[in-house]
Amino acid sequence: MTTTSSGSSGAGRWGRAAVWLPGLAVAIGAAVATAHGLFEVAVAARVPVGVAWI
């Protein structure tokens, strides 16, 4: 029977977090920038601000 140490499991979690967290931050930033850009385009097209938020 082979056993694995819990240290390698913890290292794997930190490794995944080190990749996923910056990626998540970039994805959220891109979503915010896209939403802001679409809002600015709608305002520039003279769409009422209340409708532009939708």
PDB file of N, CA and C in Angstrom:
ATOM      1  N   MET A   1       0.843  -1.177   0.000  1.00  0.00           N
ATOM      2  CA  MET A   1       0.000   0.000   0.000  1.00  0.00           C
ATOM      3  C   MET A   1       0.889   1.241   0.000  1.00  0.00           C
ATOM      4  N   THR A   2       0.574   2.184  -0.849  1.00  0.00           N
ATOM      5  CA  THR A   2       1.364   3.404  -0.955  1.00  0.00           C
ATOM      6  C   THR A   2       0.604   4.538  -0.284  1.00  0.00           C
ATOM      7  N   THR A   3       1.311   5.317   0.497  1.00  0.00           N
ATOM      8  CA  THR A   3       0.696   6.475   1.140  1.00  0.00           C
ATOM      9  C   THR A   3       1.357   7.729   0.615  1.00  0.00           C
ATOM     10  N   THR A   4       0.615   8.802   0.604  1.00  0.00           N
ATOM     11  CA  THR A   4       1.171  10.086   0.193  1.00  0.00           C
ATOM     12  C   THR A   4       1.204  10.997   1.397  1.00  0.00           C
ATOM     13  N   SER A   5       2.187  11.847   1.440  1.00  0.00           N
ATOM     14  CA  SER A   5       2.281  12.768   2.562  1.00  0.00           C
ATOM     15  C   SER A   5       1.339  13.939   2.332  1.00  0.00           C
ATOM     16  N   SER A   6       0.861  14.503   3.421  1.00  0.00           N
ATOM     17  CA  SER A   6      -0.049  15.632   3.302  1.00  0.00           C
ATOM     18  C   SER A   6       0.680  16.880   2.823  1.00  0.00           C
ATOM     19  N   GLY A   7       2.017  16.896   2.934  1.00  0.00           N
ATOM     20  CA  GLY A   7       2.794  18.046   2.477  1.00  0.00           C
ATOM     21  C   GLY A   7       2.682  18.266   0.982  1.00  0.00           C
ATOM     22  N   SER A   8       2.694  17.188   0.205  1.00  0.00           N
ATOM     23  CA  SER A   8       2.593  17.346  -1.238  1.00  0.00           C
ATOM     24  C   SER A   8       1.203  17.833  -1.639  1.00  0.00           C
ATOM     25  N   SER A   9       0.192  17.433  -0.879  1.00  0.00           N
ATOM     26  CA  SER A   9      -1.163  17.887  -1.162  1.00  0.00           C
ATOM     27  C   SER A   9      -1.290  19.387  -0.894  1.00  0.00           C
ATOM     28  N   GLY A  10      -0.693  19.828   0.213  1.00  0.00           N
ATOM     29  CA  GLY A  10      -0.727  21.251   0.530  1.00  0.00           C
ATOM     30  C   GLY A  10       0.037  22.071  -0.489  1.00  0.00           C
ATOM     31  N   ALA A  11       1.176  21.536  -0.951  1.00  0.00           N
ATOM     32  CA  ALA A  11       1.965  22.246  -1.957  1.00  0.00           C
ATOM     33  C   ALA A  11       1.183  22.359  -3.260  1.00  0.00           C
ATOM     34  N   GLY A  12       0.414  21.329  -3.586  1.00  0.00           N
ATOM     35  CA  GLY A  12      -0.407  21.373  -4.793  1.00  0.00           C
ATOM     36  C   GLY A  12      -1.478  22.428  -4.715  1.00  0.00           C
ATOM     37  N   ARG A  13      -2.056  22.567  -3.532  1.00  0.00           N
ATOM     38  CA  ARG A  13      -3.087  23.600  -3.352  1.00  0.00           C
ATOM     39  C   ARG A  13      -2.495  24.990  -3.515  1.00  0.00           C
ATOM     40  N   TRP A  14      -1.326  25.212  -2.902  1.00  0.00           N
ATOM     41  CA  TRP A  14      -0.691  26.524  -3.026  1.00  0.00           C
ATOM     42  C   TRP A  14      -0.277  26.797  -4.464  1.00  0.00           C
ATOM     43  N   GLY A  15       0.160  25.757  -5.147  1.00  0.00           N
ATOM     44  CA  GLY A  15       0.541  25.926  -6.545  1.00  0.00           C
ATOM     45  C   GLY A  15      -0.642  26.306  -7.410  1.00  0.00           C
ATOM     46  N   ARG A  16      -1.765  25.636  -7.181  1.00  0.00           N
ATOM     47  CA  ARG A  16      -2.977  25.978  -7.937  1.00  0.00           C
ATOM     48  C   ARG A  16      -3.452  27.383  -7.594  1.00  0.00           C
ATOM     49  N   ALA A  17      -3.389  27.733  -6.309  1.00  0.00           N
ATOM     50  CA  ALA A  17      -3.815  29.075  -5.900  1.00  0.00           C
ATOM     51  C   ALA A  17      -2.916  30.138  -6.526  1.00  0.00           C
ATOM     52  N   ALA A  18      -1.623  29.821  -6.638  1.00  0.00           N
ATOM     53  CA  ALA A  18      -0.683  30.780  -7.221  1.00  0.00           C
ATOM     54  C   ALA A  18      -0.977  31.040  -8.695  1.00  0.00           C
ATOM     55  N   VAL A  19      -1.615  30.102  -9.355  1.00  0.00           N
ATOM     56  CA  VAL A  19      -1.979  30.274 -10.763  1.00  0.00           C
ATOM     57  C   VAL A  19      -3.383  30.846 -10.894  1.00  0.00           C
ATOM     58  N   TRP A  20      -4.318  30.332 -10.112  1.00  0.00           N
ATOM     59  CA  TRP A  20      -5.716  30.723 -10.243  1.00  0.00           C
ATOM     60  C   TRP A  20      -5.999  32.134  -9.737  1.00  0.00           C
ATOM     61  N   LEU A  21      -5.409  32.532  -8.631  1.00  0.00           N
ATOM     62  CA  LEU A  21      -5.728  33.847  -8.074  1.00  0.00           C
ATOM     63  C   LEU A  21      -5.318  35.003  -8.983  1.00  0.00           C
ATOM     64  N   PRO A  22      -4.105  35.021  -9.527  1.00  0.00           N
ATOM     65  CA  PRO A  22      -3.798  36.098 -10.483  1.00  0.00           C
ATOM     66  C   PRO A  22      -4.680  36.031 -11.732  1.00  0.00           C
ATOM     67  N   GLY A  23      -4.979  34.830 -12.190  1.00  0.00           N
ATOM     68  CA  GLY A  23      -5.862  34.685 -13.350  1.00  0.00           C
ATOM     69  C   GLY A  23      -7.257  35.211 -13.067  1.00  0.00           C
ATOM     70  N   LEU A  24      -7.740  34.944 -11.862  1.00  0.00           N
ATOM     71  CA  LEU A  24      -9.054  35.444 -11.464  1.00  0.00           C
ATOM     72  C   LEU A  24      -9.053  36.966 -11.393  1.00  0.00           C
ATOM     73  N   ALA A  25      -7.972  37.534 -10.863  1.00  0.00           N
ATOM     74  CA  ALA A  25      -7.869  38.988 -10.792  1.00  0.00           C
ATOM     75  C   ALA A  25      -7.872  39.605 -12.191  1.00  0.00           C
ATOM     76  N   VAL A  26      -7.171  38.988 -13.126  1.00  0.00           N
ATOM     77  CA  VAL A  26      -7.143  39.491 -14.504  1.00  0.00           C
ATOM     78  C   VAL A  26      -8.531  39.379 -15.144  1.00  0.00           C
ATOM     79  N   ALA A  27      -9.207  38.266 -14.910  1.00  0.00           N
ATOM     80  CA  ALA A  27     -10.546  38.075 -15.486  1.00  0.00           C
ATOM     81  C   ALA A  27     -11.539  39.091 -14.932  1.00  0.00           C
ATOM     82  N   ILE A  28     -11.468  39.351 -13.631  1.00  0.00           N
ATOM     83  CA  ILE A  28     -12.377  40.343 -13.033  1.00  0.00           C
ATOM     84  C   ILE A  28     -12.060  41.732 -13.567  1.00  0.00           C
ATOM     85  N   GLY A  29     -10.772  42.048 -13.678  1.00  0.00           N
ATOM     86  CA  GLY A  29     -10.382  43.343 -14.235  1.00  0.00           C
ATOM     87  C   GLY A  29     -10.856  43.516 -15.668  1.00  0.00           C
ATOM     88  N   ALA A  30     -10.761  42.461 -16.455  1.00  0.00           N
ATOM     89  CA  ALA A  30     -11.223  42.523 -17.841  1.00  0.00           C
ATOM     90  C   ALA A  30     -12.736  42.718 -17.909  1.00  0.00           C
ATOM     91  N   ALA A  31     -13.459  42.053 -17.028  1.00  0.00           N
ATOM     92  CA  ALA A  31     -14.922  42.208 -17.003  1.00  0.00           C
ATOM     93  C   ALA A  31     -15.308  43.636 -16.630  1.00  0.00           C
ATOM     94  N   VAL A  32     -14.626  44.198 -15.647  1.00  0.00           N
ATOM     95  CA  VAL A  32     -14.916  45.579 -15.231  1.00  0.00           C
ATOM     96  C   VAL A  32     -14.580  46.554 -16.354  1.00  0.00           C
ATOM     97  N   ALA A  33     -13.434  46.363 -16.989  1.00  0.00           N
ATOM     98  CA  ALA A  33     -13.040  47.254 -18.075  1.00  0.00           C
ATOM     99  C   ALA A  33     -14.009  47.160 -19.253  1.00  0.00           C
ATOM    100  N   THR A  34     -14.475  45.959 -19.546  1.00  0.00           N
ATOM    101  CA  THR A  34     -15.437  45.774 -20.640  1.00  0.00           C
ATOM    102  C   THR A  34     -16.756  46.461 -20.317  1.00  0.00           C
ATOM    103  N   ALA A  35     -17.243  46.265 -19.097  1.00  0.00           N
ATOM    104  CA  ALA A  35     -18.502  46.899 -18.702  1.00  0.00           C
ATOM    105  C   ALA A  35     -18.373  48.420 -18.748  1.00  0.00           C
ATOM    106  N   HIS A  36     -17.254  48.937 -18.277  1.00  0.00           N
ATOM    107  CA  HIS A  36     -17.050  50.389 -18.298  1.00  0.00           C
ATOM    108  C   HIS A  36     -16.995  50.902 -19.734  1.00  0.00           C
ATOM    109  N   GLY A  37     -16.311  50.180 -20.594  1.00  0.00           N
ATOM    110  CA  GLY A  37     -16.226  50.590 -21.990  1.00  0.00           C
ATOM    111  C   GLY A  37     -17.584  50.593 -22.680  1.00  0.00           C
ATOM    112  N   LEU A  38     -18.367  49.562 -22.428  1.00  0.00           N
ATOM    113  CA  LEU A  38     -19.702  49.508 -23.025  1.00  0.00           C
ATOM    114  C   LEU A  38     -20.577  50.646 -22.507  1.00  0.00           C
ATOM    115  N   PHE A  39     -20.443  50.949 -21.210  1.00  0.00           N
ATOM    116  CA  PHE A  39     -21.199  52.068 -20.641  1.00  0.00           C
ATOM    117  C   PHE A  39     -20.803  53.381 -21.314  1.00  0.00           C
ATOM    118  N   GLU A  40     -19.501  53.600 -21.482  1.00  0.00           N
ATOM    119  CA  GLU A  40     -19.038  54.838 -22.111  1.00  0.00           C
ATOM    120  C   GLU A  40     -19.509  54.944 -23.562  1.00  0.00           C
ATOM    121  N   VAL A  41     -19.538  53.849 -24.273  1.00  0.00           N
ATOM    122  CA  VAL A  41     -20.040  53.857 -25.656  1.00  0.00           C
ATOM    123  C   VAL A  41     -21.519  54.208 -25.671  1.00  0.00           C
ATOM    124  N   ALA A  42     -22.276  53.637 -24.742  1.00  0.00           N
ATOM    125  CA  ALA A  42     -23.711  53.939 -24.681  1.00  0.00           C
ATOM    126  C   ALA A  42     -23.935  55.407 -24.350  1.00  0.00           C
ATOM    127  N   VAL A  43     -23.170  55.964 -23.421  1.00  0.00           N
ATOM    128  CA  VAL A  43     -23.310  57.380 -23.070  1.00  0.00           C
ATOM    129  C   VAL A  43     -22.927  58.254 -24.265  1.00  0.00           C
ATOM    130  N   ALA A  44     -21.857  57.891 -24.974  1.00  0.00           N
ATOM    131  CA  ALA A  44     -21.439  58.661 -26.138  1.00  0.00           C
ATOM    132  C   ALA A  44     -22.491  58.624 -27.239  1.00  0.00           C
ATOM    133  N   ALA A  45     -23.267  57.550 -27.284  1.00  0.00           N
ATOM    134  CA  ALA A  45     -24.335  57.439 -28.274  1.00  0.00           C
ATOM    135  C   ALA A  45     -25.604  58.143 -27.812  1.00  0.00           C
ATOM    136  N   ARG A  46     -25.477  58.878 -26.717  1.00  0.00           N
ATOM    137  CA  ARG A  46     -26.577  59.665 -26.138  1.00  0.00           C
ATOM    138  C   ARG A  46     -27.746  58.808 -25.665  1.00  0.00           C
ATOM    139  N   VAL A  47     -27.421  57.611 -25.217  1.00  0.00           N
ATOM    140  CA  VAL A  47     -28.426  56.763 -24.577  1.00  0.00           C
ATOM    141  C   VAL A  47     -28.607  57.296 -23.166  1.00  0.00           C
ATOM    142  N   PRO A  48     -29.830  57.391 -22.655  1.00  0.00           N
ATOM    143  CA  PRO A  48     -30.020  57.864 -21.286  1.00  0.00           C
ATOM    144  C   PRO A  48     -29.209  57.018 -20.297  1.00  0.00           C
ATOM    145  N   VAL A  49     -28.628  57.671 -19.290  1.00  0.00           N
ATOM    146  CA  VAL A  49     -27.734  57.003 -18.353  1.00  0.00           C
ATOM    147  C   VAL A  49     -28.422  55.821 -17.665  1.00  0.00           C
ATOM    148  N   GLY A  50     -29.686  55.964 -17.314  1.00  0.00           N
ATOM    149  CA  GLY A  50     -30.415  54.864 -16.679  1.00  0.00           C
ATOM    150  C   GLY A  50     -30.482  53.638 -17.566  1.00  0.00           C
ATOM    151  N   VAL A  51     -30.633  53.841 -18.853  1.00  0.00           N
ATOM    152  CA  VAL A  51     -30.686  52.720 -19.796  1.00  0.00           C
ATOM    153  C   VAL A  51     -29.269  52.206 -20.046  1.00  0.00           C
ATOM    154  N   ALA A  52     -28.292  53.096 -20.063  1.00  0.00           N
ATOM    155  CA  ALA A  52     -26.909  52.684 -20.315  1.00  0.00           C
ATOM    156  C   ALA A  52     -26.410  51.734 -19.235  1.00  0.00           C
ATOM    157  N   TRP A  53     -26.883  51.886 -18.001  1.00  0.00           N
ATOM    158  CA  TRP A  53     -26.459  50.998 -16.919  1.00  0.00           C
ATOM    159  C   TRP A  53     -26.939  49.568 -17.145  1.00  0.00           C
ATOM    160  N   ILE A  54     -28.032  49.426 -17.865  1.00  0.00           N
ATOM    161  CA  ILE A  54     -28.562  48.081 -18.122  1.00  0.00           C
ATOM    162  C   ILE A  54     -27.687  47.441 -19.146  1.00  0.00           C
TER     163      ILE A  54
END
